[in-house]
Amino acid sequence: MGQFLDAAYKVLKEAKQPLSAKEITERAFESALLISKGKTPHQSMKARLATDILRNKDRSSFKRIASGKFALREWDTKEYFAQRHKKALIDEDIAVFKKSHLSEFVSGQGIFYAPLDFISARFNEICFSHKRKDAEENENLIQLVSVFITTHHDKYLTFKRTKRLPENRLHGFYSIGFGGHITYKELLPLLRENIFDPCHDALFIIRELSEELKLKSTPTIKYRGLIYDNSREVSEIHLGIIYDVALVNEKYEIGERGFLMDPKFEDILTIDQRKDEFENWSQIIIKEELKKRCLI
């Protein structure tokens, strides 16, 4: 694990209680478990622990149980997640439109194709900016969400959402699509026919793919359509704009470490075998993919 992590594990094991990075470092020096010439070894300890938790998630030997307090994962203590990112997301301004316009785009549950020039014209007319936290409580507003289905050949990139993201309904569920709420400022470049021309500033793609998924090569991105689910109250106020993202290779990094976990490429039949582990929109997409491949 490295000098700092090895020392931290031994100190916590002996202490049998959570400690701060400074307390861990002091005890490690006292027990001659740690040798460091740095001026702020406790900051190095904190950084090593934080990085290990972010990188290895549930596989890490450590976890936070409070701000600045670390414990061993083997202990039966509740893990702590910082709330700053959640608050920032829920306070953002997003693109919405009145629910009375929804029937112009979809006719129920499923994936629907609507030409980009049509939705571009209509969204430009009916959409406006609204605080996300207020929109979540307004059943008469539809929130726009981007959905990126990422593939390499015949495999799909899936991941699991953690409790650090604000959508409680999605915690612990897997997804087959990356993406998120679209801000009003991102709406206009989103709806350009030539949005993927590198000469244009496609803000939403830059934001979503850099925040959630860092790619090692330029993908091929194609607009697919709209996705809607009216089976649950919380789903009825979200409309997804779907894009297929075809990767040149399987090289990527998860951008929002700590928020998205267990990423992996899977074939559609493997995904279908555990479809109950996926959130609602993903289940709709899975069914559509099976139909497209003539597997159902």
C-alpha atoms as a PDB file:
ATOM      1  CA  MET A   1       0.000   0.000   0.000  1.00  0.00           C
ATOM      2  CA  GLY A   2       2.934   2.350   0.463  1.00  0.00           C
ATOM      3  CA  GLN A   3       4.598   3.770   3.561  1.00  0.00           C
ATOM      4  CA  PHE A   4       1.832   6.237   4.496  1.00  0.00           C
ATOM      5  CA  LEU A   5      -1.049   3.825   3.939  1.00  0.00           C
ATOM      6  CA  ASP A   6       0.700   0.949   5.691  1.00  0.00           C
ATOM      7  CA  ALA A   7       1.353   3.197   8.683  1.00  0.00           C
ATOM      8  CA  ALA A   8      -2.231   4.481   8.683  1.00  0.00           C
ATOM      9  CA  TYR A   9      -3.629   0.959   8.663  1.00  0.00           C
ATOM     10  CA  LYS A  10      -1.463  -0.147  11.583  1.00  0.00           C
ATOM     11  CA  VAL A  11      -2.216   2.990  13.621  1.00  0.00           C
ATOM     12  CA  LEU A  12      -5.984   2.718  13.121  1.00  0.00           C
ATOM     13  CA  LYS A  13      -5.923  -1.019  13.795  1.00  0.00           C
ATOM     14  CA  GLU A  14      -4.223  -0.405  17.109  1.00  0.00           C
ATOM     15  CA  ALA A  15      -6.300   2.659  18.024  1.00  0.00           C
ATOM     16  CA  LYS A  16      -9.588   0.853  17.300  1.00  0.00           C
ATOM     17  CA  GLN A  17     -11.246   4.216  16.689  1.00  0.00           C
ATOM     18  CA  PRO A  18     -11.422   6.841  13.909  1.00  0.00           C
ATOM     19  CA  LEU A  19      -8.644   9.432  13.851  1.00  0.00           C
ATOM     20  CA  SER A  20      -7.777  12.554  11.884  1.00  0.00           C
ATOM     21  CA  ALA A  21      -4.890  12.504   9.417  1.00  0.00           C
ATOM     22  CA  LYS A  22      -2.839  14.565  11.875  1.00  0.00           C
ATOM     23  CA  GLU A  23      -3.523  12.141  14.729  1.00  0.00           C
ATOM     24  CA  ILE A  24      -2.658   9.175  12.529  1.00  0.00           C
ATOM     25  CA  THR A  25       0.602  10.813  11.449  1.00  0.00           C
ATOM     26  CA  GLU A  26       1.638  11.748  14.994  1.00  0.00           C
ATOM     27  CA  ARG A  27       1.033   8.201  16.249  1.00  0.00           C
ATOM     28  CA  ALA A  28       2.855   6.762  13.237  1.00  0.00           C
ATOM     29  CA  PHE A  29       5.938   8.846  14.058  1.00  0.00           C
ATOM     30  CA  GLU A  30       5.765   7.905  17.737  1.00  0.00           C
ATOM     31  CA  SER A  31       5.697   4.222  16.818  1.00  0.00           C
ATOM     32  CA  ALA A  32       8.437   4.645  14.195  1.00  0.00           C
ATOM     33  CA  LEU A  33       6.042   3.457  11.502  1.00  0.00           C
ATOM     34  CA  LEU A  34       6.618   6.507   9.371  1.00  0.00           C
ATOM     35  CA  ILE A  35       9.731   8.342   8.227  1.00  0.00           C
ATOM     36  CA  SER A  36       9.225  11.548   6.269  1.00  0.00           C
ATOM     37  CA  LYS A  37      11.351  14.597   5.587  1.00  0.00           C
ATOM     38  CA  GLY A  38       8.390  16.677   4.410  1.00  0.00           C
ATOM     39  CA  LYS A  39       7.355  19.825   6.260  1.00  0.00           C
ATOM     40  CA  THR A  40       3.682  18.809   6.471  1.00  0.00           C
ATOM     41  CA  PRO A  41       3.547  15.003   6.694  1.00  0.00           C
ATOM     42  CA  HIS A  42      -0.036  15.072   8.014  1.00  0.00           C
ATOM     43  CA  GLN A  43      -1.128  16.761   4.756  1.00  0.00           C
ATOM     44  CA  SER A  44       0.656  14.047   2.811  1.00  0.00           C
ATOM     45  CA  MET A  45      -1.140  11.451   4.927  1.00  0.00           C
ATOM     46  CA  LYS A  46      -4.512  13.095   4.281  1.00  0.00           C
ATOM     47  CA  ALA A  47      -3.817  13.236   0.537  1.00  0.00           C
ATOM     48  CA  ARG A  48      -2.745   9.561   0.407  1.00  0.00           C
ATOM     49  CA  LEU A  49      -5.857   8.436   2.293  1.00  0.00           C
ATOM     50  CA  ALA A  50      -8.205  10.595   0.189  1.00  0.00           C
ATOM     51  CA  THR A  51      -6.638   9.381  -3.067  1.00  0.00           C
ATOM     52  CA  ASP A  52      -6.834   5.748  -1.994  1.00  0.00           C
ATOM     53  CA  ILE A  53     -10.526   6.096  -1.101  1.00  0.00           C
ATOM     54  CA  LEU A  54     -11.331   7.862  -4.384  1.00  0.00           C
ATOM     55  CA  ARG A  55      -9.374   5.427  -6.530  1.00  0.00           C
ATOM     56  CA  ASN A  56     -10.341   2.152  -4.874  1.00  0.00           C
ATOM     57  CA  LYS A  57     -13.732   3.085  -3.416  1.00  0.00           C
ATOM     58  CA  ASP A  58     -15.189   0.002  -1.656  1.00  0.00           C
ATOM     59  CA  ARG A  59     -11.912  -1.848  -2.197  1.00  0.00           C
ATOM     60  CA  SER A  60      -9.991   0.713  -0.121  1.00  0.00           C
ATOM     61  CA  SER A  61      -9.016  -0.332   3.396  1.00  0.00           C
ATOM     62  CA  PHE A  62     -10.104   3.120   4.580  1.00  0.00           C
ATOM     63  CA  LYS A  63     -13.174   5.335   4.651  1.00  0.00           C
ATOM     64  CA  ARG A  64     -14.225   8.720   5.998  1.00  0.00           C
ATOM     65  CA  ILE A  65     -16.725   8.689   8.845  1.00  0.00           C
ATOM     66  CA  ALA A  66     -16.804  12.500   9.232  1.00  0.00           C
ATOM     67  CA  SER A  67     -15.102  15.497   7.671  1.00  0.00           C
ATOM     68  CA  GLY A  68     -11.365  14.943   8.239  1.00  0.00           C
ATOM     69  CA  LYS A  69     -11.887  11.686  10.187  1.00  0.00           C
ATOM     70  CA  PHE A  70     -10.713   8.348   8.849  1.00  0.00           C
ATOM     71  CA  ALA A  71     -11.593   4.794   9.844  1.00  0.00           C
ATOM     72  CA  LEU A  72     -10.962   1.270   8.612  1.00  0.00           C
ATOM     73  CA  ARG A  73     -13.538   0.007   6.138  1.00  0.00           C
ATOM     74  CA  GLU A  74     -13.760  -3.269   8.043  1.00  0.00           C
ATOM     75  CA  TRP A  75     -15.367  -1.398  10.951  1.00  0.00           C
ATOM     76  CA  ASP A  76     -19.140  -1.193  11.125  1.00  0.00           C
ATOM     77  CA  THR A  77     -19.333   2.589  10.818  1.00  0.00           C
ATOM     78  CA  LYS A  78     -21.316   4.686   8.337  1.00  0.00           C
ATOM     79  CA  GLU A  79     -19.294   6.253   5.545  1.00  0.00           C
ATOM     80  CA  TYR A  80     -19.301  10.033   5.159  1.00  0.00           C
ATOM     81  CA  PHE A  81     -19.605  11.796   1.801  1.00  0.00           C
ATOM     82  CA  ALA A  82     -18.909  15.502   1.318  1.00  0.00           C
ATOM     83  CA  GLN A  83     -22.038  17.510   0.538  1.00  0.00           C
ATOM     84  CA  ARG A  84     -20.409  20.374  -1.369  1.00  0.00           C
ATOM     85  CA  HIS A  85     -20.794  18.797  -4.801  1.00  0.00           C
ATOM     86  CA  LYS A  86     -24.413  17.852  -4.134  1.00  0.00           C
ATOM     87  CA  LYS A  87     -25.276  21.411  -3.114  1.00  0.00           C
ATOM     88  CA  ALA A  88     -23.570  22.894  -6.172  1.00  0.00           C
ATOM     89  CA  LEU A  89     -25.518  20.582  -8.477  1.00  0.00           C
ATOM     90  CA  ILE A  90     -28.917  21.178  -6.900  1.00  0.00           C
ATOM     91  CA  ASP A  91     -28.399  24.968  -6.954  1.00  0.00           C
ATOM     92  CA  GLU A  92     -27.520  25.179 -10.659  1.00  0.00           C
ATOM     93  CA  ASP A  93     -29.731  26.853 -13.260  1.00  0.00           C
ATOM     94  CA  ILE A  94     -31.082  24.332 -15.766  1.00  0.00           C
ATOM     95  CA  ALA A  95     -33.103  24.346 -18.983  1.00  0.00           C
ATOM     96  CA  VAL A  96     -36.812  23.568 -18.515  1.00  0.00           C
ATOM     97  CA  PHE A  97     -40.112  23.944 -20.356  1.00  0.00           C
ATOM     98  CA  LYS A  98     -43.761  23.708 -19.345  1.00  0.00           C
ATOM     99  CA  LYS A  99     -45.153  20.184 -19.208  1.00  0.00           C
ATOM    100  CA  SER A 100     -48.058  21.204 -21.424  1.00  0.00           C
ATOM    101  CA  HIS A 101     -45.608  21.056 -24.386  1.00  0.00           C
ATOM    102  CA  LEU A 102     -44.410  17.509 -23.640  1.00  0.00           C
ATOM    103  CA  SER A 103     -46.841  15.793 -26.033  1.00  0.00           C
ATOM    104  CA  GLU A 104     -45.143  17.585 -28.928  1.00  0.00           C
ATOM    105  CA  PHE A 105     -42.104  15.361 -28.416  1.00  0.00           C
ATOM    106  CA  VAL A 106     -43.184  12.048 -26.840  1.00  0.00           C
ATOM    107  CA  SER A 107     -46.363  10.000 -26.525  1.00  0.00           C
ATOM    108  CA  GLY A 108     -45.598   7.910 -23.464  1.00  0.00           C
ATOM    109  CA  GLN A 109     -42.780   5.750 -22.167  1.00  0.00           C
ATOM    110  CA  GLY A 110     -39.860   4.891 -24.411  1.00  0.00           C
ATOM    111  CA  ILE A 111     -37.392   6.292 -26.930  1.00  0.00           C
ATOM    112  CA  PHE A 112     -38.772   8.596 -29.605  1.00  0.00           C
ATOM    113  CA  TYR A 113     -37.097  10.081 -32.660  1.00  0.00           C
ATOM    114  CA  ALA A 114     -37.641  13.782 -33.274  1.00  0.00           C
ATOM    115  CA  PRO A 115     -35.552  15.608 -35.897  1.00  0.00           C
ATOM    116  CA  LEU A 116     -32.930  17.957 -34.469  1.00  0.00           C
ATOM    117  CA  ASP A 117     -34.193  20.884 -36.519  1.00  0.00           C
ATOM    118  CA  PHE A 118     -37.663  20.413 -35.004  1.00  0.00           C
ATOM    119  CA  ILE A 119     -36.587  20.146 -31.373  1.00  0.00           C
ATOM    120  CA  SER A 120     -34.108  22.953 -31.926  1.00  0.00           C
ATOM    121  CA  ALA A 121     -36.840  25.290 -33.122  1.00  0.00           C
ATOM    122  CA  ARG A 122     -39.311  24.286 -30.422  1.00  0.00           C
ATOM    123  CA  PHE A 123     -36.855  24.240 -27.496  1.00  0.00           C
ATOM    124  CA  ASN A 124     -35.591  27.667 -28.520  1.00  0.00           C
ATOM    125  CA  GLU A 125     -39.156  28.910 -28.280  1.00  0.00           C
ATOM    126  CA  ILE A 126     -40.399  27.185 -25.129  1.00  0.00           C
ATOM    127  CA  CYS A 127     -37.354  26.578 -22.894  1.00  0.00           C
ATOM    128  CA  PHE A 128     -36.202  28.905 -20.132  1.00  0.00           C
ATOM    129  CA  SER A 129     -33.779  28.924 -17.216  1.00  0.00           C
ATOM    130  CA  HIS A 130     -34.913  27.739 -13.786  1.00  0.00           C
ATOM    131  CA  LYS A 131     -33.252  26.843 -10.487  1.00  0.00           C
ATOM    132  CA  ARG A 132     -32.888  23.072 -10.342  1.00  0.00           C
ATOM    133  CA  LYS A 133     -33.945  22.682  -6.713  1.00  0.00           C
ATOM    134  CA  ASP A 134     -37.188  24.543  -7.496  1.00  0.00           C
ATOM    135  CA  ALA A 135     -37.799  22.589 -10.694  1.00  0.00           C
ATOM    136  CA  GLU A 136     -37.513  19.308  -8.782  1.00  0.00           C
ATOM    137  CA  GLU A 137     -40.535  20.370  -6.732  1.00  0.00           C
ATOM    138  CA  ASN A 138     -42.608  21.629  -9.685  1.00  0.00           C
ATOM    139  CA  GLU A 139     -44.562  18.891 -11.452  1.00  0.00           C
ATOM    140  CA  ASN A 140     -45.532  21.312 -14.221  1.00  0.00           C
ATOM    141  CA  LEU A 141     -41.966  21.749 -15.488  1.00  0.00           C
ATOM    142  CA  ILE A 142     -39.939  19.328 -17.627  1.00  0.00           C
ATOM    143  CA  GLN A 143     -36.168  19.276 -17.064  1.00  0.00           C
ATOM    144  CA  LEU A 144     -33.830  18.557 -19.981  1.00  0.00           C
ATOM    145  CA  VAL A 145     -31.140  15.912 -19.449  1.00  0.00           C
ATOM    146  CA  SER A 146     -28.363  14.716 -21.768  1.00  0.00           C
ATOM    147  CA  VAL A 147     -27.774  10.958 -22.118  1.00  0.00           C
ATOM    148  CA  PHE A 148     -24.606   9.535 -23.711  1.00  0.00           C
ATOM    149  CA  ILE A 149     -24.629   5.811 -24.534  1.00  0.00           C
ATOM    150  CA  THR A 150     -20.937   4.955 -24.751  1.00  0.00           C
ATOM    151  CA  THR A 151     -19.832   1.903 -26.723  1.00  0.00           C
ATOM    152  CA  HIS A 152     -16.766   0.197 -28.138  1.00  0.00           C
ATOM    153  CA  HIS A 153     -17.687  -2.256 -30.877  1.00  0.00           C
ATOM    154  CA  ASP A 154     -20.479  -4.383 -29.394  1.00  0.00           C
ATOM    155  CA  LYS A 155     -19.888  -3.528 -25.733  1.00  0.00           C
ATOM    156  CA  TYR A 156     -21.473  -0.815 -23.582  1.00  0.00           C
ATOM    157  CA  LEU A 157     -19.811   1.168 -20.830  1.00  0.00           C
ATOM    158  CA  THR A 158     -21.841   0.838 -17.621  1.00  0.00           C
ATOM    159  CA  PHE A 159     -21.299   2.283 -14.149  1.00  0.00           C
ATOM    160  CA  LYS A 160     -22.867   2.566 -10.709  1.00  0.00           C
ATOM    161  CA  ARG A 161     -23.972   5.811  -9.064  1.00  0.00           C
ATOM    162  CA  THR A 162     -22.879   6.558  -5.487  1.00  0.00           C
ATOM    163  CA  LYS A 163     -24.595   8.449  -2.691  1.00  0.00           C
ATOM    164  CA  ARG A 164     -22.509  11.559  -3.390  1.00  0.00           C
ATOM    165  CA  LEU A 165     -24.796  12.533  -6.275  1.00  0.00           C
ATOM    166  CA  PRO A 166     -28.042  14.402  -5.490  1.00  0.00           C
ATOM    167  CA  GLU A 167     -30.471  12.044  -7.262  1.00  0.00           C
ATOM    168  CA  ASN A 168     -31.454   9.814  -4.333  1.00  0.00           C
ATOM    169  CA  ARG A 169     -33.635   7.664  -6.588  1.00  0.00           C
ATOM    170  CA  LEU A 170     -30.531   6.578  -8.548  1.00  0.00           C
ATOM    171  CA  HIS A 171     -28.252   5.736  -5.628  1.00  0.00           C
ATOM    172  CA  GLY A 172     -26.940   2.193  -5.831  1.00  0.00           C
ATOM    173  CA  PHE A 173     -28.301   1.618  -9.340  1.00  0.00           C
ATOM    174  CA  TYR A 174     -26.293   1.006 -12.481  1.00  0.00           C
ATOM    175  CA  SER A 175     -26.615   3.094 -15.647  1.00  0.00           C
ATOM    176  CA  ILE A 176     -25.884   2.462 -19.298  1.00  0.00           C
ATOM    177  CA  GLY A 177     -25.802   6.180 -20.101  1.00  0.00           C
ATOM    178  CA  PHE A 178     -23.629   9.059 -18.891  1.00  0.00           C
ATOM    179  CA  GLY A 179     -24.865  12.640 -18.807  1.00  0.00           C
ATOM    180  CA  GLY A 180     -26.785  15.052 -16.658  1.00  0.00           C
ATOM    181  CA  HIS A 181     -28.961  18.146 -16.500  1.00  0.00           C
ATOM    182  CA  ILE A 182     -28.495  20.685 -19.276  1.00  0.00           C
ATOM    183  CA  THR A 183     -28.014  24.314 -18.259  1.00  0.00           C
ATOM    184  CA  TYR A 184     -29.806  26.983 -20.246  1.00  0.00           C
ATOM    185  CA  LYS A 185     -26.479  28.362 -21.516  1.00  0.00           C
ATOM    186  CA  GLU A 186     -25.659  24.921 -22.917  1.00  0.00           C
ATOM    187  CA  LEU A 187     -28.984  24.553 -24.696  1.00  0.00           C
ATOM    188  CA  LEU A 188     -28.275  26.503 -27.891  1.00  0.00           C
ATOM    189  CA  PRO A 189     -25.035  24.721 -28.860  1.00  0.00           C
ATOM    190  CA  LEU A 190     -26.678  21.420 -27.924  1.00  0.00           C
ATOM    191  CA  LEU A 191     -29.329  21.901 -30.586  1.00  0.00           C
ATOM    192  CA  ARG A 192     -27.123  22.831 -33.525  1.00  0.00           C
ATOM    193  CA  GLU A 193     -27.299  20.409 -36.423  1.00  0.00           C
ATOM    194  CA  ASN A 194     -23.501  20.623 -36.688  1.00  0.00           C
ATOM    195  CA  ILE A 195     -22.948  20.469 -32.957  1.00  0.00           C
ATOM    196  CA  PHE A 196     -20.079  18.029 -33.284  1.00  0.00           C
ATOM    197  CA  ASP A 197     -18.120  20.223 -35.656  1.00  0.00           C
ATOM    198  CA  PRO A 198     -14.959  21.049 -33.653  1.00  0.00           C
ATOM    199  CA  CYS A 199     -15.225  24.646 -34.879  1.00  0.00           C
ATOM    200  CA  HIS A 200     -18.295  25.082 -32.662  1.00  0.00           C
ATOM    201  CA  ASP A 201     -18.322  25.383 -28.902  1.00  0.00           C
ATOM    202  CA  ALA A 202     -20.541  22.470 -27.818  1.00  0.00           C
ATOM    203  CA  LEU A 203     -20.513  23.410 -24.164  1.00  0.00           C
ATOM    204  CA  PHE A 204     -22.652  20.601 -22.868  1.00  0.00           C
ATOM    205  CA  ILE A 205     -20.498  17.893 -24.470  1.00  0.00           C
ATOM    206  CA  ILE A 206     -17.319  19.479 -23.182  1.00  0.00           C
ATOM    207  CA  ARG A 207     -18.793  19.639 -19.684  1.00  0.00           C
ATOM    208  CA  GLU A 208     -20.411  16.217 -19.525  1.00  0.00           C
ATOM    209  CA  LEU A 209     -17.633  14.218 -21.145  1.00  0.00           C
ATOM    210  CA  SER A 210     -14.936  15.984 -19.152  1.00  0.00           C
ATOM    211  CA  GLU A 211     -16.776  15.732 -15.822  1.00  0.00           C
ATOM    212  CA  GLU A 212     -17.992  12.161 -16.084  1.00  0.00           C
ATOM    213  CA  LEU A 213     -15.818  10.569 -18.733  1.00  0.00           C
ATOM    214  CA  LYS A 214     -12.291  11.484 -19.820  1.00  0.00           C
ATOM    215  CA  LEU A 215     -11.617   9.917 -23.204  1.00  0.00           C
ATOM    216  CA  LYS A 216      -8.198   9.141 -24.639  1.00  0.00           C
ATOM    217  CA  SER A 217      -9.343   9.604 -28.257  1.00  0.00           C
ATOM    218  CA  THR A 218     -12.001  11.513 -30.198  1.00  0.00           C
ATOM    219  CA  PRO A 219     -15.264   9.519 -30.351  1.00  0.00           C
ATOM    220  CA  THR A 220     -17.931   9.468 -33.045  1.00  0.00           C
ATOM    221  CA  ILE A 221     -21.079  11.054 -31.606  1.00  0.00           C
ATOM    222  CA  LYS A 222     -24.515  10.758 -33.178  1.00  0.00           C
ATOM    223  CA  TYR A 223     -27.883  12.097 -32.065  1.00  0.00           C
ATOM    224  CA  ARG A 224     -30.443   9.337 -31.496  1.00  0.00           C
ATOM    225  CA  GLY A 225     -33.625  10.859 -30.106  1.00  0.00           C
ATOM    226  CA  LEU A 226     -35.536  11.531 -26.883  1.00  0.00           C
ATOM    227  CA  ILE A 227     -36.231   9.283 -23.909  1.00  0.00           C
ATOM    228  CA  TYR A 228     -39.119   9.614 -21.476  1.00  0.00           C
ATOM    229  CA  ASP A 229     -40.528   7.520 -18.626  1.00  0.00           C
ATOM    230  CA  ASN A 230     -43.956   8.215 -17.160  1.00  0.00           C
ATOM    231  CA  SER A 231     -44.027   5.182 -14.859  1.00  0.00           C
ATOM    232  CA  ARG A 232     -42.954   7.181 -11.779  1.00  0.00           C
ATOM    233  CA  GLU A 233     -43.711  10.690 -10.561  1.00  0.00           C
ATOM    234  CA  VAL A 234     -40.052  11.668 -10.359  1.00  0.00           C
ATOM    235  CA  SER A 235     -39.414  10.432 -13.927  1.00  0.00           C
ATOM    236  CA  GLU A 236     -42.339  12.371 -15.356  1.00  0.00           C
ATOM    237  CA  ILE A 237     -40.509  15.684 -14.990  1.00  0.00           C
ATOM    238  CA  HIS A 238     -37.365  14.701 -16.955  1.00  0.00           C
ATOM    239  CA  LEU A 239     -36.836  14.429 -20.718  1.00  0.00           C
ATOM    240  CA  GLY A 240     -33.590  12.939 -22.005  1.00  0.00           C
ATOM    241  CA  ILE A 241     -31.774  13.802 -25.242  1.00  0.00           C
ATOM    242  CA  ILE A 242     -29.845  10.692 -26.292  1.00  0.00           C
ATOM    243  CA  TYR A 243     -26.543  10.540 -28.143  1.00  0.00           C
ATOM    244  CA  ASP A 244     -24.557   7.466 -29.176  1.00  0.00           C
ATOM    245  CA  VAL A 245     -20.847   7.812 -28.358  1.00  0.00           C
ATOM    246  CA  ALA A 246     -18.696   5.283 -30.248  1.00  0.00           C
ATOM    247  CA  LEU A 247     -15.148   5.009 -28.908  1.00  0.00           C
ATOM    248  CA  VAL A 248     -12.089   4.215 -31.002  1.00  0.00           C
ATOM    249  CA  ASN A 249     -10.696   2.119 -28.151  1.00  0.00           C
ATOM    250  CA  GLU A 250     -11.520   1.204 -24.557  1.00  0.00           C
ATOM    251  CA  LYS A 251      -9.156   3.770 -23.035  1.00  0.00           C
ATOM    252  CA  TYR A 252     -10.935   6.162 -20.671  1.00  0.00           C
ATOM    253  CA  GLU A 253     -10.975   7.496 -17.146  1.00  0.00           C
ATOM    254  CA  ILE A 254     -13.943   8.237 -14.934  1.00  0.00           C
ATOM    255  CA  GLY A 255     -13.942  11.993 -14.369  1.00  0.00           C
ATOM    256  CA  GLU A 256     -16.223  12.168 -11.323  1.00  0.00           C
ATOM    257  CA  ARG A 257     -14.306   9.791  -9.106  1.00  0.00           C
ATOM    258  CA  GLY A 258     -16.205   9.094  -5.953  1.00  0.00           C
ATOM    259  CA  PHE A 259     -19.511   9.816  -7.718  1.00  0.00           C
ATOM    260  CA  LEU A 260     -19.449   7.067 -10.349  1.00  0.00           C
ATOM    261  CA  MET A 261     -18.021   3.649  -9.602  1.00  0.00           C
ATOM    262  CA  ASP A 262     -17.511   0.131 -10.985  1.00  0.00           C
ATOM    263  CA  PRO A 263     -17.236   1.175 -14.666  1.00  0.00           C
ATOM    264  CA  LYS A 264     -16.881  -1.667 -17.157  1.00  0.00           C
ATOM    265  CA  PHE A 265     -17.606  -2.636 -20.744  1.00  0.00           C
ATOM    266  CA  GLU A 266     -20.311  -5.298 -21.062  1.00  0.00           C
ATOM    267  CA  ASP A 267     -22.176  -6.934 -23.929  1.00  0.00           C
ATOM    268  CA  ILE A 268     -25.912  -6.316 -24.095  1.00  0.00           C
ATOM    269  CA  LEU A 269     -26.903  -9.884 -23.147  1.00  0.00           C
ATOM    270  CA  THR A 270     -24.811  -9.740 -19.966  1.00  0.00           C
ATOM    271  CA  ILE A 271     -26.392  -6.403 -19.129  1.00  0.00           C
ATOM    272  CA  ASP A 272     -29.876  -7.768 -19.790  1.00  0.00           C
ATOM    273  CA  GLN A 273     -29.263 -10.653 -17.365  1.00  0.00           C
ATOM    274  CA  ARG A 274     -28.926  -8.121 -14.548  1.00  0.00           C
ATOM    275  CA  LYS A 275     -31.225  -5.404 -15.891  1.00  0.00           C
ATOM    276  CA  ASP A 276     -33.010  -5.147 -12.530  1.00  0.00           C
ATOM    277  CA  GLU A 277     -29.832  -3.552 -11.158  1.00  0.00           C
ATOM    278  CA  PHE A 278     -30.252  -0.645 -13.609  1.00  0.00           C
ATOM    279  CA  GLU A 279     -32.286   2.538 -13.219  1.00  0.00           C
ATOM    280  CA  ASN A 280     -35.466   3.075 -15.278  1.00  0.00           C
ATOM    281  CA  TRP A 281     -34.062   4.925 -18.278  1.00  0.00           C
ATOM    282  CA  SER A 282     -31.300   2.351 -18.644  1.00  0.00           C
ATOM    283  CA  GLN A 283     -33.860  -0.447 -18.662  1.00  0.00           C
ATOM    284  CA  ILE A 284     -35.678   1.297 -21.512  1.00  0.00           C
ATOM    285  CA  ILE A 285     -32.398   1.674 -23.417  1.00  0.00           C
ATOM    286  CA  ILE A 286     -31.452  -1.971 -22.782  1.00  0.00           C
ATOM    287  CA  LYS A 287     -34.764  -3.145 -24.260  1.00  0.00           C
ATOM    288  CA  GLU A 288     -34.273  -0.872 -27.280  1.00  0.00           C
ATOM    289  CA  GLU A 289     -30.738  -2.196 -27.854  1.00  0.00           C
ATOM    290  CA  LEU A 290     -31.984  -5.791 -27.734  1.00  0.00           C
ATOM    291  CA  LYS A 291     -34.639  -4.961 -30.327  1.00  0.00           C
ATOM    292  CA  LYS A 292     -32.096  -3.204 -32.546  1.00  0.00           C
ATOM    293  CA  ARG A 293     -29.911  -6.318 -32.484  1.00  0.00           C
ATOM    294  CA  CYS A 294     -32.942  -8.569 -33.065  1.00  0.00           C
ATOM    295  CA  LEU A 295     -32.367 -10.333 -29.750  1.00  0.00           C
ATOM    296  CA  ILE A 296     -35.997 -10.074 -28.615  1.00  0.00           C
END
